[in-house]
Structures are given as structure tokens and as C-alpha cells.
């Protein structure tokens, strides 16, 4: 438990010794610029790309596996 606590505390201690502050990281655009980051607000149905598929019966796995393999007999 001591080792885990000390490993969690190490970045905090080393971060305090940094010579310079990190650059400001912001994902938000400039609020004064009204054209930055405008997204489309049109409605899109969550099932718009749905394709109906019927279940198929069970098949032997050996020929299906062989059809998908790239090289016969190669283990890697």
C-alpha cells in the first residue's frame, strides 16, 4: 500500500518542481468569434443506417474458418 501511495504521489511532487507552467489547453473556441465551431443541429435518426438481416442456420466451422484464413497452414 505504501508503494502504491508513493507512486501516486510522485507525479504531484515532480509537477510542483516544474520550471515553467504548461501551455493553456482549451478545446473551446473564442466566444467573440461567432463562426468558430458551429455544428449542424439537424435531426438524424439513430436507426437511419439499419439493415434488416435474417438469421441463418448453423454451419460447419471448419470450411468457414478456411475461407477466412489468408494462408493455409501458417500459424502466424
C-alpha atoms as a PDB file:
ATOM      1  CA  UNK A   1       0.000   0.000   0.000  1.00  0.00           C
ATOM      2  CA  UNK A   2       2.891   2.345   0.764  1.00  0.00           C
ATOM      3  CA  UNK A   3       4.397   1.692  -2.668  1.00  0.00           C
ATOM      4  CA  UNK A   4       1.094   2.458  -4.413  1.00  0.00           C
ATOM      5  CA  UNK A   5       0.627   5.657  -2.414  1.00  0.00           C
ATOM      6  CA  UNK A   6       4.173   6.806  -3.104  1.00  0.00           C
ATOM      7  CA  UNK A   7       3.813   6.099  -6.849  1.00  0.00           C
ATOM      8  CA  UNK A   8       0.588   8.117  -6.929  1.00  0.00           C
ATOM      9  CA  UNK A   9       2.231  10.977  -5.031  1.00  0.00           C
ATOM     10  CA  UNK A  10       5.375  11.074  -7.206  1.00  0.00           C
ATOM     11  CA  UNK A  11       3.846  12.934 -10.222  1.00  0.00           C
ATOM     12  CA  UNK A  12       2.351  15.547  -7.908  1.00  0.00           C
ATOM     13  CA  UNK A  13       5.692  16.203  -6.237  1.00  0.00           C
ATOM     14  CA  UNK A  14       7.587  16.298  -9.536  1.00  0.00           C
ATOM     15  CA  UNK A  15       4.925  18.532 -11.087  1.00  0.00           C
ATOM     16  CA  UNK A  16       5.499  21.076  -8.335  1.00  0.00           C
ATOM     17  CA  UNK A  17       9.161  21.272  -9.308  1.00  0.00           C
ATOM     18  CA  UNK A  18       8.435  22.200 -12.923  1.00  0.00           C
ATOM     19  CA  UNK A  19      10.352  25.246 -14.109  1.00  0.00           C
ATOM     20  CA  UNK A  20       7.617  26.529 -16.426  1.00  0.00           C
ATOM     21  CA  UNK A  21       3.880  26.297 -16.467  1.00  0.00           C
ATOM     22  CA  UNK A  22       2.279  24.193 -19.204  1.00  0.00           C
ATOM     23  CA  UNK A  23       0.576  25.934 -22.117  1.00  0.00           C
ATOM     24  CA  UNK A  24      -3.117  26.589 -21.705  1.00  0.00           C
ATOM     25  CA  UNK A  25      -5.130  23.751 -23.169  1.00  0.00           C
ATOM     26  CA  UNK A  26      -8.632  24.638 -24.217  1.00  0.00           C
ATOM     27  CA  UNK A  27     -10.958  22.833 -26.586  1.00  0.00           C
ATOM     28  CA  UNK A  28     -13.421  25.711 -26.662  1.00  0.00           C
ATOM     29  CA  UNK A  29     -13.338  28.306 -29.384  1.00  0.00           C
ATOM     30  CA  UNK A  30     -13.140  32.036 -28.894  1.00  0.00           C
ATOM     31  CA  UNK A  31     -16.571  33.263 -27.726  1.00  0.00           C
ATOM     32  CA  UNK A  32     -16.033  36.532 -29.584  1.00  0.00           C
ATOM     33  CA  UNK A  33     -15.706  34.657 -32.888  1.00  0.00           C
ATOM     34  CA  UNK A  34     -19.286  33.625 -33.680  1.00  0.00           C
ATOM     35  CA  UNK A  35     -18.355  31.406 -36.647  1.00  0.00           C
ATOM     36  CA  UNK A  36     -15.992  29.072 -34.835  1.00  0.00           C
ATOM     37  CA  UNK A  37     -17.140  25.555 -34.051  1.00  0.00           C
ATOM     38  CA  UNK A  38     -20.693  25.662 -35.371  1.00  0.00           C
ATOM     39  CA  UNK A  39     -22.200  22.194 -35.640  1.00  0.00           C
ATOM     40  CA  UNK A  40     -25.193  21.059 -37.590  1.00  0.00           C
ATOM     41  CA  UNK A  41     -28.337  20.993 -35.468  1.00  0.00           C
ATOM     42  CA  UNK A  42     -30.435  18.937 -37.852  1.00  0.00           C
ATOM     43  CA  UNK A  43     -32.097  15.807 -36.507  1.00  0.00           C
ATOM     44  CA  UNK A  44     -30.606  12.460 -37.527  1.00  0.00           C
ATOM     45  CA  UNK A  45     -32.442   9.256 -36.739  1.00  0.00           C
ATOM     46  CA  UNK A  46     -30.346   6.815 -34.680  1.00  0.00           C
ATOM     47  CA  UNK A  47     -31.549   3.903 -36.849  1.00  0.00           C
ATOM     48  CA  UNK A  48     -31.057   5.569 -40.235  1.00  0.00           C
ATOM     49  CA  UNK A  49     -28.343   3.121 -41.364  1.00  0.00           C
ATOM     50  CA  UNK A  50     -30.113  -0.022 -40.123  1.00  0.00           C
ATOM     51  CA  UNK A  51     -30.235  -3.023 -42.456  1.00  0.00           C
ATOM     52  CA  UNK A  52     -32.539  -5.916 -41.585  1.00  0.00           C
ATOM     53  CA  UNK A  53     -30.813  -9.308 -41.613  1.00  0.00           C
ATOM     54  CA  UNK A  54     -32.385 -12.724 -41.223  1.00  0.00           C
ATOM     55  CA  UNK A  55     -30.673 -15.391 -39.097  1.00  0.00           C
ATOM     56  CA  UNK A  56     -29.110 -18.329 -40.911  1.00  0.00           C
ATOM     57  CA  UNK A  57     -28.849 -21.919 -39.823  1.00  0.00           C
ATOM     58  CA  UNK A  58     -25.735 -23.387 -38.196  1.00  0.00           C
ATOM     59  CA  UNK A  59     -22.877 -24.383 -40.485  1.00  0.00           C
ATOM     60  CA  UNK A  60     -19.722 -26.412 -40.002  1.00  0.00           C
ATOM     61  CA  UNK A  61     -16.981 -24.154 -38.611  1.00  0.00           C
ATOM     62  CA  UNK A  62     -14.073 -25.782 -40.476  1.00  0.00           C
ATOM     63  CA  UNK A  63     -14.901 -24.586 -44.026  1.00  0.00           C
ATOM     64  CA  UNK A  64     -15.883 -21.124 -42.727  1.00  0.00           C
ATOM     65  CA  UNK A  65     -12.555 -20.829 -40.925  1.00  0.00           C
ATOM     66  CA  UNK A  66     -10.635 -21.954 -44.002  1.00  0.00           C
ATOM     67  CA  UNK A  67     -12.474 -19.444 -46.181  1.00  0.00           C
ATOM     68  CA  UNK A  68     -11.453 -16.576 -43.893  1.00  0.00           C
ATOM     69  CA  UNK A  69      -7.804 -17.570 -43.421  1.00  0.00           C
ATOM     70  CA  UNK A  70      -5.174 -15.823 -45.530  1.00  0.00           C
ATOM     71  CA  UNK A  71      -2.586 -18.599 -45.685  1.00  0.00           C
ATOM     72  CA  UNK A  72      -3.120 -22.339 -45.409  1.00  0.00           C
ATOM     73  CA  UNK A  73      -1.150 -23.961 -42.576  1.00  0.00           C
ATOM     74  CA  UNK A  74       0.702 -20.815 -41.463  1.00  0.00           C
ATOM     75  CA  UNK A  75       0.464 -20.380 -37.689  1.00  0.00           C
ATOM     76  CA  UNK A  76       1.422 -16.712 -37.656  1.00  0.00           C
END
